[in-house]
Amino acid sequence: MATHDTAAPPAKEGGAAPGRPPAGPTGAEQRHRARLSRRWQRDMRWSPYAFVSPFFLLFLAFGLFPLVYTGWASLHQVEMTAPTDMEWVGLRNYTRIFDDDFFWNAAKNTLTIGVISTVPQLLMAMGLAHILNYKLRGSTFFRVTMLAPYATSIAAASLVFVLLFGRDYGMINWVLDMVGVGPIDWQSDKWPSQFAVSTIVIWRWTGYNALIYLAAMQAIPQDLYESAALDGASRWKQFIHVTLPSLRPTILFTVVVSTIGATQVFGEPLLFDANKGASGGSEHQFQTLGLYLYEQGWVNQHLGRASAIAWTMFLILIVVGIVNYVISRRLRASS
C-alpha cells in the first residue's frame, strides 16, 4: 500500500521564507513628517525675504524715512535748535530759496564746476581705457593704479590740492612763474577757484570711469575689429566706427552718474576753502548746491529751508533720470 509523504517541500536555494509586510508609519510619525513638510514649505517661501530684509530695513531707516521727513519739514518753518517745533508755511520755503540770489549763484557754480570736471574727466577716462585695452605688460598694476585716487580720502586729496594751488607757495604757481605767468589766486578768484575744485573731482573719478569703459571695451566682439581691419580701417577709424558706437550705453551711464555726482559735490569745495566754511570762498565764488544746503541747515540752522533745498536737488536728479530714460530708449530703438 502506497504511503503519501506529508513533509513540506524543500525551500529553493537563495529563497526566503515569506514574512510579514512592513508596518506603516504610526500616527505620531505621520504628524512629525507633516510638521517637517510644513516647516520646509514655510522656509522655502519666506527665507528669501529674510535674506533681503536687512537691505530694506536699512533703506527704511536711512533712506525712506529721511526723504519723507525732509519733505514734510520743507513745508514747515523749523529750526535746528528746536526740530520738533514746526509751523506750517506751505511752499514758502521754496519760494524763498528761488528768490535768493545765493541759491542761483550756487546753482550756476554747480553747473560750471560740473561741466569743467565732467567733460575732461570722461574724455581722459576714454583715452586711458583705450590704452589699457591693448595687451600691456603689468596691465593689472595699471588697473589697480587707476583705482588709487578713488580709494583715497577726500580730505587727504583736497589738502594736497590746497598745497598745490597755494598762491604764494604752491607748485602750480611755481611752474607758471617759470613760463612767465604771474601768480594766480586760486582760492579768491572765481574761475581759477572753480577750475581748482574741478581738478580734484577729475583726479578722483577719472580712473573709476576708465575701468568702466575698459570693461565695456573688453565686451566688444573681436570679430568687429577683424572685419574693420580687413576692410582697411585704421585703428583710429576702428575706434570711431566700432568702439564708440558699441560704448554708447556705457557713455550715457557715465554721463548720468557724473552729472548726479556733480550736482551733489560737497567735500571738495568745503575743504578747498581756506576758512573751511560753507560759504565757498569769501564771495561765494565756488559755493555749490551741497554747500548752500549745508550753510542753510547747519550754519544758519534753518532746517525747513535746507529741506526745501534738498528736495529741489532731488527733483533735479529726477529730471536727469527721466532724460536718461528717454535717451536710452531712443538709443535702443535706433540700434
Foldseek 3Di string as FASTA:
>chain_A
DDDDDPDDDDDDPPDDDDDDPDDDDDPVVVVVVVVVVVVVVCCVVCVVVVVCVVVVVCCVVPNVVVLVVLVVLLQWFAFLVGRVDTHGNGNVLVVVLVPDPLNVLQAVLLVVLLVLQQVVLLVLLLVLLVVLLDDDPPSVVVLVVLQVLQPDDLLVLLVVLLQQLDQPRHVVQVVVVVVPDHGDHQQADQVSVSNSLSVSSSSRCSSVLSVLLNVQQVPFDCVLVVVCVVVVDDPVVCCVPPSVLSCVLVVLVSSLVSSLCSLQDDSNQQSSHPVSALCSGPPSSNRHLNSVLCCVCPVVRRSNSSSSSVVVSVVVSVVSVVVSVVVVVVSVVVD
